[in-house]
Amino acid sequence: MSVKKWEKKVLDRPGAVQRVAEIEDELRLAAGLTALREEAGLSQRELAKRIGVSQPRIAALEKSRNVTIQVLEQYADAVGGHLEVSVVKGKRKTPLVSAPSSRSSSAPRRGSASSGTSRRSA
C-alpha cells in the first residue's frame, strides 16, 4: 500500500481529522513554549528556577496541552513577556486575560467578557 493510500485510509476514519488538528495544536504549543524559552537564552533548569518548579516540570509543560493560564502567565513572565488570551469570533476579539509582565499577584486577571469560550483547555 502506498503512503498516499494509507494516509487517505487513516484520515477517512471517523474523528481522524479532528484528532490530527488536536495533535497540531499540541505541537504548536510545545514548539511555541520551547522557542520562547530558547529565545530568552534560558535552559529548562534556569527557567524552572525562575518559576520555582523543577526542571522535569518545565520539560512536562513543554510537552503538555493541558497547561493552566496561571502557569502560562508564570512562563511568559519568566521569559520576559506577558500573557494575553482572547476569544476571536468573526471580526470580534474579546480579551479574557491580560497580564502585564512582572505582576505581583499570581491570580490571573480576567477581562469583563460576558460570552465566548476558548477551544483549548487551560
PDB file of N, CA and C in Angstrom:
ATOM      1  N   MET A   1       0.853  -1.171   0.000  1.00  0.00           N
ATOM      2  CA  MET A   1       0.000   0.000   0.000  1.00  0.00           C
ATOM      3  C   MET A   1       0.902   1.240   0.000  1.00  0.00           C
ATOM      4  N   SER A   2       0.569   2.198  -0.838  1.00  0.00           N
ATOM      5  CA  SER A   2       1.356   3.432  -0.921  1.00  0.00           C
ATOM      6  C   SER A   2       1.068   4.313   0.298  1.00  0.00           C
ATOM      7  N   VAL A   3       1.952   5.252   0.545  1.00  0.00           N
ATOM      8  CA  VAL A   3       1.780   6.178   1.656  1.00  0.00           C
ATOM      9  C   VAL A   3       0.518   7.012   1.458  1.00  0.00           C
ATOM     10  N   LYS A   4       0.272   7.449   0.242  1.00  0.00           N
ATOM     11  CA  LYS A   4      -0.922   8.264  -0.028  1.00  0.00           C
ATOM     12  C   LYS A   4      -2.203   7.475   0.256  1.00  0.00           C
ATOM     13  N   LYS A   5      -2.249   6.207  -0.148  1.00  0.00           N
ATOM     14  CA  LYS A   5      -3.433   5.386   0.119  1.00  0.00           C
ATOM     15  C   LYS A   5      -3.603   5.155   1.612  1.00  0.00           C
ATOM     16  N   TRP A   6      -2.488   4.886   2.305  1.00  0.00           N
ATOM     17  CA  TRP A   6      -2.545   4.679   3.748  1.00  0.00           C
ATOM     18  C   TRP A   6      -3.034   5.949   4.444  1.00  0.00           C
ATOM     19  N   GLU A   7      -2.500   7.112   4.048  1.00  0.00           N
ATOM     20  CA  GLU A   7      -2.911   8.381   4.625  1.00  0.00           C
ATOM     21  C   GLU A   7      -4.408   8.617   4.414  1.00  0.00           C
ATOM     22  N   LYS A   8      -4.900   8.365   3.222  1.00  0.00           N
ATOM     23  CA  LYS A   8      -6.324   8.548   2.936  1.00  0.00           C
ATOM     24  C   LYS A   8      -7.168   7.618   3.798  1.00  0.00           C
ATOM     25  N   LYS A   9      -6.724   6.362   3.937  1.00  0.00           N
ATOM     26  CA  LYS A   9      -7.450   5.386   4.741  1.00  0.00           C
ATOM     27  C   LYS A   9      -7.522   5.844   6.204  1.00  0.00           C
ATOM     28  N   VAL A  10      -6.415   6.332   6.732  1.00  0.00           N
ATOM     29  CA  VAL A  10      -6.384   6.790   8.118  1.00  0.00           C
ATOM     30  C   VAL A  10      -7.269   8.018   8.303  1.00  0.00           C
ATOM     31  N   LEU A  11      -7.159   8.994   7.393  1.00  0.00           N
ATOM     32  CA  LEU A  11      -7.923  10.228   7.534  1.00  0.00           C
ATOM     33  C   LEU A  11      -9.413  10.062   7.262  1.00  0.00           C
ATOM     34  N   ASP A  12      -9.792   8.982   6.594  1.00  0.00           N
ATOM     35  CA  ASP A  12     -11.207   8.724   6.329  1.00  0.00           C
ATOM     36  C   ASP A  12     -11.935   8.143   7.542  1.00  0.00           C
ATOM     37  N   ARG A  13     -11.195   7.745   8.565  1.00  0.00           N
ATOM     38  CA  ARG A  13     -11.826   7.207   9.772  1.00  0.00           C
ATOM     39  C   ARG A  13     -12.542   8.318  10.526  1.00  0.00           C
ATOM     40  N   PRO A  14     -13.668   7.989  11.172  1.00  0.00           N
ATOM     41  CA  PRO A  14     -14.406   9.000  11.938  1.00  0.00           C
ATOM     42  C   PRO A  14     -13.527   9.618  13.024  1.00  0.00           C
ATOM     43  N   GLY A  15     -13.536  10.951  13.091  1.00  0.00           N
ATOM     44  CA  GLY A  15     -12.792  11.672  14.120  1.00  0.00           C
ATOM     45  C   GLY A  15     -11.319  11.895  13.821  1.00  0.00           C
ATOM     46  N   ALA A  16     -10.826  11.321  12.725  1.00  0.00           N
ATOM     47  CA  ALA A  16      -9.402  11.416  12.423  1.00  0.00           C
ATOM     48  C   ALA A  16      -8.950  12.845  12.147  1.00  0.00           C
ATOM     49  N   VAL A  17      -9.715  13.581  11.397  1.00  0.00           N
ATOM     50  CA  VAL A  17      -9.339  14.955  11.059  1.00  0.00           C
ATOM     51  C   VAL A  17      -9.279  15.805  12.325  1.00  0.00           C
ATOM     52  N   GLN A  18     -10.238  15.622  13.232  1.00  0.00           N
ATOM     53  CA  GLN A  18     -10.242  16.369  14.487  1.00  0.00           C
ATOM     54  C   GLN A  18      -9.022  15.991  15.328  1.00  0.00           C
ATOM     55  N   ARG A  19      -8.689  14.716  15.384  1.00  0.00           N
ATOM     56  CA  ARG A  19      -7.531  14.283  16.180  1.00  0.00           C
ATOM     57  C   ARG A  19      -6.240  14.856  15.604  1.00  0.00           C
ATOM     58  N   VAL A  20      -6.111  14.901  14.288  1.00  0.00           N
ATOM     59  CA  VAL A  20      -4.929  15.490  13.652  1.00  0.00           C
ATOM     60  C   VAL A  20      -4.826  16.971  14.033  1.00  0.00           C
ATOM     61  N   ALA A  21      -5.948  17.683  14.044  1.00  0.00           N
ATOM     62  CA  ALA A  21      -5.951  19.096  14.433  1.00  0.00           C
ATOM     63  C   ALA A  21      -5.521  19.258  15.893  1.00  0.00           C
ATOM     64  N   GLU A  22      -5.971  18.350  16.762  1.00  0.00           N
ATOM     65  CA  GLU A  22      -5.579  18.397  18.172  1.00  0.00           C
ATOM     66  C   GLU A  22      -4.075  18.174  18.328  1.00  0.00           C
ATOM     67  N   ILE A  23      -3.540  17.234  17.579  1.00  0.00           N
ATOM     68  CA  ILE A  23      -2.098  16.959  17.632  1.00  0.00           C
ATOM     69  C   ILE A  23      -1.316  18.170  17.145  1.00  0.00           C
ATOM     70  N   GLU A  24      -1.798  18.803  16.090  1.00  0.00           N
ATOM     71  CA  GLU A  24      -1.141  20.018  15.587  1.00  0.00           C
ATOM     72  C   GLU A  24      -1.140  21.111  16.649  1.00  0.00           C
ATOM     73  N   ASP A  25      -2.262  21.272  17.373  1.00  0.00           N
ATOM     74  CA  ASP A  25      -2.329  22.259  18.455  1.00  0.00           C
ATOM     75  C   ASP A  25      -1.310  21.945  19.546  1.00  0.00           C
ATOM     76  N   GLU A  26      -1.219  20.666  19.923  1.00  0.00           N
ATOM     77  CA  GLU A  26      -0.266  20.246  20.947  1.00  0.00           C
ATOM     78  C   GLU A  26       1.165  20.565  20.519  1.00  0.00           C
ATOM     79  N   LEU A  27       1.487  20.250  19.280  1.00  0.00           N
ATOM     80  CA  LEU A  27       2.833  20.508  18.773  1.00  0.00           C
ATOM     81  C   LEU A  27       3.122  22.012  18.689  1.00  0.00           C
ATOM     82  N   ARG A  28       2.128  22.790  18.298  1.00  0.00           N
ATOM     83  CA  ARG A  28       2.289  24.241  18.202  1.00  0.00           C
ATOM     84  C   ARG A  28       2.565  24.840  19.575  1.00  0.00           C
ATOM     85  N   LEU A  29       1.825  24.403  20.598  1.00  0.00           N
ATOM     86  CA  LEU A  29       2.036  24.893  21.953  1.00  0.00           C
ATOM     87  C   LEU A  29       3.421  24.508  22.451  1.00  0.00           C
ATOM     88  N   ALA A  30       3.786  23.248  22.276  1.00  0.00           N
ATOM     89  CA  ALA A  30       5.101  22.783  22.730  1.00  0.00           C
ATOM     90  C   ALA A  30       6.224  23.538  22.031  1.00  0.00           C
ATOM     91  N   ALA A  31       6.118  23.677  20.724  1.00  0.00           N
ATOM     92  CA  ALA A  31       7.155  24.382  19.966  1.00  0.00           C
ATOM     93  C   ALA A  31       7.202  25.852  20.359  1.00  0.00           C
ATOM     94  N   GLY A  32       6.050  26.451  20.596  1.00  0.00           N
ATOM     95  CA  GLY A  32       5.999  27.859  20.976  1.00  0.00           C
ATOM     96  C   GLY A  32       6.642  28.105  22.326  1.00  0.00           C
ATOM     97  N   LEU A  33       6.317  27.287  23.323  1.00  0.00           N
ATOM     98  CA  LEU A  33       6.910  27.455  24.642  1.00  0.00           C
ATOM     99  C   LEU A  33       8.420  27.245  24.588  1.00  0.00           C
ATOM    100  N   THR A  34       8.838  26.202  23.901  1.00  0.00           N
ATOM    101  CA  THR A  34      10.270  25.923  23.784  1.00  0.00           C
ATOM    102  C   THR A  34      10.988  27.061  23.082  1.00  0.00           C
ATOM    103  N   ALA A  35      10.409  27.582  22.013  1.00  0.00           N
ATOM    104  CA  ALA A  35      11.031  28.688  21.275  1.00  0.00           C
ATOM    105  C   ALA A  35      11.139  29.933  22.149  1.00  0.00           C
ATOM    106  N   LEU A  36      10.116  30.242  22.927  1.00  0.00           N
ATOM    107  CA  LEU A  36      10.170  31.396  23.822  1.00  0.00           C
ATOM    108  C   LEU A  36      11.309  31.254  24.829  1.00  0.00           C
ATOM    109  N   ARG A  37      11.435  30.062  25.396  1.00  0.00           N
ATOM    110  CA  ARG A  37      12.496  29.819  26.374  1.00  0.00           C
ATOM    111  C   ARG A  37      13.869  29.959  25.741  1.00  0.00           C
ATOM    112  N   GLU A  38      14.027  29.352  24.565  1.00  0.00           N
ATOM    113  CA  GLU A  38      15.312  29.405  23.886  1.00  0.00           C
ATOM    114  C   GLU A  38      15.657  30.821  23.436  1.00  0.00           C
ATOM    115  N   GLU A  39      14.661  31.577  22.952  1.00  0.00           N
ATOM    116  CA  GLU A  39      14.892  32.972  22.547  1.00  0.00           C
ATOM    117  C   GLU A  39      15.330  33.827  23.735  1.00  0.00           C
ATOM    118  N   ALA A  40      14.861  33.470  24.936  1.00  0.00           N
ATOM    119  CA  ALA A  40      15.257  34.187  26.149  1.00  0.00           C
ATOM    120  C   ALA A  40      16.634  33.738  26.627  1.00  0.00           C
ATOM    121  N   GLY A  41      17.204  32.730  25.955  1.00  0.00           N
ATOM    122  CA  GLY A  41      18.526  32.233  26.324  1.00  0.00           C
ATOM    123  C   GLY A  41      18.537  31.434  27.608  1.00  0.00           C
ATOM    124  N   LEU A  42      17.420  30.784  27.906  1.00  0.00           N
ATOM    125  CA  LEU A  42      17.290  30.035  29.152  1.00  0.00           C
ATOM    126  C   LEU A  42      17.259  28.533  28.912  1.00  0.00           C
ATOM    127  N   SER A  43      17.897  27.801  29.795  1.00  0.00           N
ATOM    128  CA  SER A  43      17.753  26.345  29.795  1.00  0.00           C
ATOM    129  C   SER A  43      16.480  26.017  30.568  1.00  0.00           C
ATOM    130  N   GLN A  44      16.038  24.776  30.471  1.00  0.00           N
ATOM    131  CA  GLN A  44      14.871  24.369  31.250  1.00  0.00           C
ATOM    132  C   GLN A  44      15.157  24.543  32.737  1.00  0.00           C
ATOM    133  N   ARG A  45      16.360  24.233  33.153  1.00  0.00           N
ATOM    134  CA  ARG A  45      16.743  24.357  34.569  1.00  0.00           C
ATOM    135  C   ARG A  45      16.685  25.817  35.036  1.00  0.00           C
ATOM    136  N   GLU A  46      17.197  26.744  34.206  1.00  0.00           N
ATOM    137  CA  GLU A  46      17.176  28.164  34.562  1.00  0.00           C
ATOM    138  C   GLU A  46      15.738  28.687  34.636  1.00  0.00           C
ATOM    139  N   LEU A  47      14.919  28.284  33.680  1.00  0.00           N
ATOM    140  CA  LEU A  47      13.523  28.709  33.685  1.00  0.00           C
ATOM    141  C   LEU A  47      12.801  28.147  34.907  1.00  0.00           C
ATOM    142  N   ALA A  48      13.063  26.895  35.220  1.00  0.00           N
ATOM    143  CA  ALA A  48      12.445  26.261  36.384  1.00  0.00           C
ATOM    144  C   ALA A  48      12.773  27.035  37.655  1.00  0.00           C
ATOM    145  N   LYS A  49      14.013  27.452  37.779  1.00  0.00           N
ATOM    146  CA  LYS A  49      14.431  28.214  38.962  1.00  0.00           C
ATOM    147  C   LYS A  49      13.683  29.537  39.036  1.00  0.00           C
ATOM    148  N   ARG A  50      13.495  30.213  37.906  1.00  0.00           N
ATOM    149  CA  ARG A  50      12.777  31.495  37.886  1.00  0.00           C
ATOM    150  C   ARG A  50      11.324  31.329  38.299  1.00  0.00           C
ATOM    151  N   ILE A  51      10.715  30.225  37.890  1.00  0.00           N
ATOM    152  CA  ILE A  51       9.298  29.994  38.184  1.00  0.00           C
ATOM    153  C   ILE A  51       9.110  29.360  39.564  1.00  0.00           C
ATOM    154  N   GLY A  52      10.132  28.629  40.020  1.00  0.00           N
ATOM    155  CA  GLY A  52      10.029  27.956  41.311  1.00  0.00           C
ATOM    156  C   GLY A  52       9.503  26.546  41.210  1.00  0.00           C
ATOM    157  N   VAL A  53       9.834  25.870  40.100  1.00  0.00           N
ATOM    158  CA  VAL A  53       9.451  24.474  39.909  1.00  0.00           C
ATOM    159  C   VAL A  53      10.698  23.679  39.525  1.00  0.00           C
ATOM    160  N   SER A  54      10.541  22.385  39.346  1.00  0.00           N
ATOM    161  CA  SER A  54      11.669  21.542  38.960  1.00  0.00           C
ATOM    162  C   SER A  54      11.874  21.560  37.442  1.00  0.00           C
ATOM    163  N   GLN A  55      13.073  21.210  37.009  1.00  0.00           N
ATOM    164  CA  GLN A  55      13.361  21.124  35.565  1.00  0.00           C
ATOM    165  C   GLN A  55      12.464  20.097  34.881  1.00  0.00           C
ATOM    166  N   PRO A  56      12.219  18.925  35.486  1.00  0.00           N
ATOM    167  CA  PRO A  56      11.298  17.985  34.832  1.00  0.00           C
ATOM    168  C   PRO A  56       9.891  18.560  34.639  1.00  0.00           C
ATOM    169  N   ARG A  57       9.469  19.464  35.531  1.00  0.00           N
ATOM    170  CA  ARG A  57       8.155  20.101  35.377  1.00  0.00           C
ATOM    171  C   ARG A  57       8.136  20.995  34.137  1.00  0.00           C
ATOM    172  N   ILE A  58       9.237  21.703  33.881  1.00  0.00           N
ATOM    173  CA  ILE A  58       9.329  22.533  32.673  1.00  0.00           C
ATOM    174  C   ILE A  58       9.286  21.641  31.441  1.00  0.00           C
ATOM    175  N   ALA A  59      10.020  20.528  31.476  1.00  0.00           N
ATOM    176  CA  ALA A  59      10.004  19.588  30.345  1.00  0.00           C
ATOM    177  C   ALA A  59       8.587  19.089  30.100  1.00  0.00           C
ATOM    178  N   ALA A  60       7.857  18.773  31.172  1.00  0.00           N
ATOM    179  CA  ALA A  60       6.478  18.299  31.041  1.00  0.00           C
ATOM    180  C   ALA A  60       5.576  19.401  30.485  1.00  0.00           C
ATOM    181  N   LEU A  61       5.761  20.639  30.945  1.00  0.00           N
ATOM    182  CA  LEU A  61       4.962  21.759  30.439  1.00  0.00           C
ATOM    183  C   LEU A  61       5.162  21.940  28.942  1.00  0.00           C
ATOM    184  N   GLU A  62       6.407  21.779  28.510  1.00  0.00           N
ATOM    185  CA  GLU A  62       6.714  21.987  27.100  1.00  0.00           C
ATOM    186  C   GLU A  62       6.201  20.847  26.215  1.00  0.00           C
ATOM    187  N   LYS A  63       5.661  19.804  26.832  1.00  0.00           N
ATOM    188  CA  LYS A  63       5.086  18.687  26.071  1.00  0.00           C
ATOM    189  C   LYS A  63       3.578  18.584  26.250  1.00  0.00           C
ATOM    190  N   SER A  64       3.024  19.323  27.210  1.00  0.00           N
ATOM    191  CA  SER A  64       1.630  19.157  27.587  1.00  0.00           C
ATOM    192  C   SER A  64       0.708  20.117  26.860  1.00  0.00           C
ATOM    193  N   ARG A  65      -0.488  19.666  26.619  1.00  0.00           N
ATOM    194  CA  ARG A  65      -1.517  20.538  26.060  1.00  0.00           C
ATOM    195  C   ARG A  65      -2.345  21.160  27.173  1.00  0.00           C
ATOM    196  N   ASN A  66      -2.445  20.484  28.294  1.00  0.00           N
ATOM    197  CA  ASN A  66      -3.249  20.962  29.415  1.00  0.00           C
ATOM    198  C   ASN A  66      -2.382  21.783  30.363  1.00  0.00           C
ATOM    199  N   VAL A  67      -2.257  23.046  30.036  1.00  0.00           N
ATOM    200  CA  VAL A  67      -1.475  23.982  30.835  1.00  0.00           C
ATOM    201  C   VAL A  67      -2.439  25.059  31.318  1.00  0.00           C
ATOM    202  N   THR A  68      -2.390  25.367  32.603  1.00  0.00           N
ATOM    203  CA  THR A  68      -3.300  26.381  33.130  1.00  0.00           C
ATOM    204  C   THR A  68      -2.855  27.780  32.708  1.00  0.00           C
ATOM    205  N   ILE A  69      -3.798  28.683  32.751  1.00  0.00           N
ATOM    206  CA  ILE A  69      -3.491  30.078  32.433  1.00  0.00           C
ATOM    207  C   ILE A  69      -2.460  30.612  33.415  1.00  0.00           C
ATOM    208  N   GLN A  70      -2.595  30.265  34.678  1.00  0.00           N
ATOM    209  CA  GLN A  70      -1.652  30.736  35.695  1.00  0.00           C
ATOM    210  C   GLN A  70      -0.230  30.284  35.356  1.00  0.00           C
ATOM    211  N   VAL A  71      -0.062  29.048  34.965  1.00  0.00           N
ATOM    212  CA  VAL A  71       1.264  28.539  34.611  1.00  0.00           C
ATOM    213  C   VAL A  71       1.785  29.232  33.353  1.00  0.00           C
ATOM    214  N   LEU A  72       0.918  29.446  32.372  1.00  0.00           N
ATOM    215  CA  LEU A  72       1.343  30.166  31.166  1.00  0.00           C
ATOM    216  C   LEU A  72       1.762  31.591  31.508  1.00  0.00           C
ATOM    217  N   GLU A  73       1.058  32.239  32.444  1.00  0.00           N
ATOM    218  CA  GLU A  73       1.445  33.584  32.880  1.00  0.00           C
ATOM    219  C   GLU A  73       2.830  33.567  33.518  1.00  0.00           C
ATOM    220  N   GLN A  74       3.080  32.586  34.369  1.00  0.00           N
ATOM    221  CA  GLN A  74       4.388  32.470  35.022  1.00  0.00           C
ATOM    222  C   GLN A  74       5.480  32.217  33.987  1.00  0.00           C
ATOM    223  N   TYR A  75       5.202  31.356  33.046  1.00  0.00           N
ATOM    224  CA  TYR A  75       6.164  31.015  31.993  1.00  0.00           C
ATOM    225  C   TYR A  75       6.475  32.265  31.173  1.00  0.00           C
ATOM    226  N   ALA A  76       5.424  32.977  30.750  1.00  0.00           N
ATOM    227  CA  ALA A  76       5.607  34.178  29.946  1.00  0.00           C
ATOM    228  C   ALA A  76       6.406  35.233  30.710  1.00  0.00           C
ATOM    229  N   ASP A  77       6.088  35.421  31.977  1.00  0.00           N
ATOM    230  CA  ASP A  77       6.805  36.387  32.803  1.00  0.00           C
ATOM    231  C   ASP A  77       8.275  36.002  32.935  1.00  0.00           C
ATOM    232  N   ALA A  78       8.541  34.713  33.123  1.00  0.00           N
ATOM    233  CA  ALA A  78       9.916  34.233  33.311  1.00  0.00           C
ATOM    234  C   ALA A  78      10.771  34.412  32.064  1.00  0.00           C
ATOM    235  N   VAL A  79      10.155  34.420  30.888  1.00  0.00           N
ATOM    236  CA  VAL A  79      10.924  34.622  29.645  1.00  0.00           C
ATOM    237  C   VAL A  79      10.889  36.085  29.203  1.00  0.00           C
ATOM    238  N   GLY A  80      10.323  36.961  30.053  1.00  0.00           N
ATOM    239  CA  GLY A  80      10.346  38.385  29.766  1.00  0.00           C
ATOM    240  C   GLY A  80       9.146  38.918  29.010  1.00  0.00           C
ATOM    241  N   GLY A  81       8.058  38.184  29.015  1.00  0.00           N
ATOM    242  CA  GLY A  81       6.859  38.636  28.302  1.00  0.00           C
ATOM    243  C   GLY A  81       5.661  38.681  29.222  1.00  0.00           C
ATOM    244  N   HIS A  82       4.486  38.746  28.633  1.00  0.00           N
ATOM    245  CA  HIS A  82       3.243  38.644  29.382  1.00  0.00           C
ATOM    246  C   HIS A  82       2.224  37.914  28.524  1.00  0.00           C
ATOM    247  N   LEU A  83       1.246  37.333  29.180  1.00  0.00           N
ATOM    248  CA  LEU A  83       0.245  36.509  28.511  1.00  0.00           C
ATOM    249  C   LEU A  83      -0.998  37.326  28.204  1.00  0.00           C
ATOM    250  N   GLU A  84      -1.517  37.141  27.007  1.00  0.00           N
ATOM    251  CA  GLU A  84      -2.811  37.689  26.624  1.00  0.00           C
ATOM    252  C   GLU A  84      -3.629  36.545  26.036  1.00  0.00           C
ATOM    253  N   VAL A  85      -4.867  36.402  26.486  1.00  0.00           N
ATOM    254  CA  VAL A  85      -5.764  35.371  25.972  1.00  0.00           C
ATOM    255  C   VAL A  85      -7.034  36.056  25.508  1.00  0.00           C
ATOM    256  N   SER A  86      -7.416  35.796  24.270  1.00  0.00           N
ATOM    257  CA  SER A  86      -8.632  36.382  23.703  1.00  0.00           C
ATOM    258  C   SER A  86      -9.412  35.320  22.955  1.00  0.00           C
ATOM    259  N   VAL A  87     -10.694  35.543  22.840  1.00  0.00           N
ATOM    260  CA  VAL A  87     -11.545  34.709  22.001  1.00  0.00           C
ATOM    261  C   VAL A  87     -11.874  35.531  20.764  1.00  0.00           C
ATOM    262  N   VAL A  88     -11.642  34.943  19.600  1.00  0.00           N
ATOM    263  CA  VAL A  88     -11.930  35.614  18.344  1.00  0.00           C
ATOM    264  C   VAL A  88     -13.164  34.963  17.748  1.00  0.00           C
ATOM    265  N   LYS A  89     -14.177  35.784  17.492  1.00  0.00           N
ATOM    266  CA  LYS A  89     -15.434  35.304  16.926  1.00  0.00           C
ATOM    267  C   LYS A  89     -15.771  36.227  15.768  1.00  0.00           C
ATOM    268  N   GLY A  90     -15.504  35.754  14.547  1.00  0.00           N
ATOM    269  CA  GLY A  90     -15.656  36.615  13.386  1.00  0.00           C
ATOM    270  C   GLY A  90     -14.624  37.725  13.462  1.00  0.00           C
ATOM    271  N   LYS A  91     -15.080  38.968  13.374  1.00  0.00           N
ATOM    272  CA  LYS A  91     -14.173  40.120  13.467  1.00  0.00           C
ATOM    273  C   LYS A  91     -14.051  40.640  14.897  1.00  0.00           C
ATOM    274  N   ARG A  92     -14.819  40.043  15.801  1.00  0.00           N
ATOM    275  CA  ARG A  92     -14.833  40.498  17.193  1.00  0.00           C
ATOM    276  C   ARG A  92     -13.800  39.731  18.015  1.00  0.00           C
ATOM    277  N   LYS A  93     -13.013  40.465  18.773  1.00  0.00           N
ATOM    278  CA  LYS A  93     -11.984  39.879  19.629  1.00  0.00           C
ATOM    279  C   LYS A  93     -12.281  40.288  21.067  1.00  0.00           C
ATOM    280  N   THR A  94     -12.522  39.293  21.932  1.00  0.00           N
ATOM    281  CA  THR A  94     -12.847  39.566  23.329  1.00  0.00           C
ATOM    282  C   THR A  94     -11.681  39.144  24.211  1.00  0.00           C
ATOM    283  N   PRO A  95     -10.974  40.111  24.811  1.00  0.00           N
ATOM    284  CA  PRO A  95      -9.877  39.761  25.718  1.00  0.00           C
ATOM    285  C   PRO A  95     -10.418  39.093  26.978  1.00  0.00           C
ATOM    286  N   LEU A  96      -9.798  37.987  27.371  1.00  0.00           N
ATOM    287  CA  LEU A  96     -10.187  37.288  28.594  1.00  0.00           C
ATOM    288  C   LEU A  96      -9.147  37.484  29.686  1.00  0.00           C
ATOM    289  N   VAL A  97      -7.882  37.451  29.309  1.00  0.00           N
ATOM    290  CA  VAL A  97      -6.791  37.596  30.260  1.00  0.00           C
ATOM    291  C   VAL A  97      -5.778  38.542  29.653  1.00  0.00           C
ATOM    292  N   SER A  98      -5.381  39.530  30.422  1.00  0.00           N
ATOM    293  CA  SER A  98      -4.318  40.427  30.006  1.00  0.00           C
ATOM    294  C   SER A  98      -3.518  40.753  31.238  1.00  0.00           C
ATOM    295  N   ALA A  99      -2.276  40.311  31.257  1.00  0.00           N
ATOM    296  CA  ALA A  99      -1.452  40.491  32.442  1.00  0.00           C
ATOM    297  C   ALA A  99      -0.126  41.123  32.077  1.00  0.00           C
ATOM    298  N   PRO A 100       0.168  42.295  32.630  1.00  0.00           N
ATOM    299  CA  PRO A 100       1.478  42.883  32.368  1.00  0.00           C
ATOM    300  C   PRO A 100       2.569  42.025  32.989  1.00  0.00           C
ATOM    301  N   SER A 101       3.778  42.054  32.418  1.00  0.00           N
ATOM    302  CA  SER A 101       4.865  41.248  32.976  1.00  0.00           C
ATOM    303  C   SER A 101       5.253  41.765  34.347  1.00  0.00           C
ATOM    304  N   SER A 102       5.872  40.883  35.123  1.00  0.00           N
ATOM    305  CA  SER A 102       6.330  41.190  36.481  1.00  0.00           C
ATOM    306  C   SER A 102       5.196  41.628  37.389  1.00  0.00           C
ATOM    307  N   ARG A 103       4.014  41.045  37.182  1.00  0.00           N
ATOM    308  CA  ARG A 103       2.868  41.362  38.023  1.00  0.00           C
ATOM    309  C   ARG A 103       3.070  40.745  39.396  1.00  0.00           C
ATOM    310  N   SER A 104       2.694  41.425  40.444  1.00  0.00           N
ATOM    311  CA  SER A 104       2.915  40.922  41.793  1.00  0.00           C
ATOM    312  C   SER A 104       1.913  39.836  42.178  1.00  0.00           C
ATOM    313  N   SER A 105       0.710  39.887  41.678  1.00  0.00           N
ATOM    314  CA  SER A 105      -0.303  38.889  42.011  1.00  0.00           C
ATOM    315  C   SER A 105      -0.169  37.689  41.103  1.00  0.00           C
ATOM    316  N   SER A 106      -0.341  36.494  41.660  1.00  0.00           N
ATOM    317  CA  SER A 106      -0.259  35.295  40.827  1.00  0.00           C
ATOM    318  C   SER A 106      -1.613  34.868  40.285  1.00  0.00           C
ATOM    319  N   ALA A 107      -2.682  35.508  40.723  1.00  0.00           N
ATOM    320  CA  ALA A 107      -4.018  35.173  40.220  1.00  0.00           C
ATOM    321  C   ALA A 107      -4.212  35.804  38.851  1.00  0.00           C
ATOM    322  N   PRO A 108      -4.749  35.051  37.892  1.00  0.00           N
ATOM    323  CA  PRO A 108      -4.942  35.612  36.558  1.00  0.00           C
ATOM    324  C   PRO A 108      -5.966  36.728  36.571  1.00  0.00           C
ATOM    325  N   ARG A 109      -5.706  37.753  35.776  1.00  0.00           N
ATOM    326  CA  ARG A 109      -6.671  38.843  35.604  1.00  0.00           C
ATOM    327  C   ARG A 109      -7.664  38.445  34.547  1.00  0.00           C
ATOM    328  N   ARG A 110      -8.891  38.628  34.810  1.00  0.00           N
ATOM    329  CA  ARG A 110      -9.940  38.276  33.856  1.00  0.00           C
ATOM    330  C   ARG A 110     -10.543  39.543  33.284  1.00  0.00           C
ATOM    331  N   GLY A 111     -10.804  39.517  31.987  1.00  0.00           N
ATOM    332  CA  GLY A 111     -11.474  40.650  31.350  1.00  0.00           C
ATOM    333  C   GLY A 111     -12.944  40.643  31.706  1.00  0.00           C
ATOM    334  N   SER A 112     -13.658  41.601  31.211  1.00  0.00           N
ATOM    335  CA  SER A 112     -15.084  41.694  31.519  1.00  0.00           C
ATOM    336  C   SER A 112     -15.931  41.063  30.430  1.00  0.00           C
ATOM    337  N   ALA A 113     -15.384  40.030  29.803  1.00  0.00           N
ATOM    338  CA  ALA A 113     -16.119  39.375  28.720  1.00  0.00           C
ATOM    339  C   ALA A 113     -17.330  38.649  29.280  1.00  0.00           C
ATOM    340  N   SER A 114     -18.427  38.759  28.556  1.00  0.00           N
ATOM    341  CA  SER A 114     -19.644  38.113  29.026  1.00  0.00           C
ATOM    342  C   SER A 114     -19.934  36.820  28.296  1.00  0.00           C
ATOM    343  N   SER A 115     -19.240  36.585  27.185  1.00  0.00           N
ATOM    344  CA  SER A 115     -19.503  35.357  26.446  1.00  0.00           C
ATOM    345  C   SER A 115     -18.248  34.915  25.730  1.00  0.00           C
ATOM    346  N   GLY A 116     -18.318  33.713  25.179  1.00  0.00           N
ATOM    347  CA  GLY A 116     -17.203  33.183  24.392  1.00  0.00           C
ATOM    348  C   GLY A 116     -16.449  32.145  25.187  1.00  0.00           C
ATOM    349  N   THR A 117     -15.964  31.132  24.449  1.00  0.00           N
ATOM    350  CA  THR A 117     -15.165  30.096  25.082  1.00  0.00           C
ATOM    351  C   THR A 117     -13.944  29.844  24.225  1.00  0.00           C
ATOM    352  N   SER A 118     -12.930  29.341  24.843  1.00  0.00           N
ATOM    353  CA  SER A 118     -11.696  29.029  24.138  1.00  0.00           C
ATOM    354  C   SER A 118     -11.724  27.579  23.703  1.00  0.00           C
ATOM    355  N   ARG A 119     -11.127  27.274  22.577  1.00  0.00           N
ATOM    356  CA  ARG A 119     -11.071  25.911  22.082  1.00  0.00           C
ATOM    357  C   ARG A 119     -10.129  25.069  22.917  1.00  0.00           C
ATOM    358  N   ARG A 120      -9.066  25.676  23.401  1.00  0.00           N
ATOM    359  CA  ARG A 120      -8.054  24.952  24.152  1.00  0.00           C
ATOM    360  C   ARG A 120      -8.371  24.972  25.636  1.00  0.00           C
ATOM    361  N   SER A 121      -8.242  23.834  26.301  1.00  0.00           N
ATOM    362  CA  SER A 121      -8.389  23.769  27.744  1.00  0.00           C
ATOM    363  C   SER A 121      -7.204  24.451  28.372  1.00  0.00           C
ATOM    364  N   ALA A 122      -7.447  25.178  29.413  1.00  0.00           N
ATOM    365  CA  ALA A 122      -6.323  25.821  30.095  1.00  0.00           C
ATOM    366  C   ALA A 122      -6.202  25.294  31.493  1.00  0.00           C
TER     367      ALA A 122
END
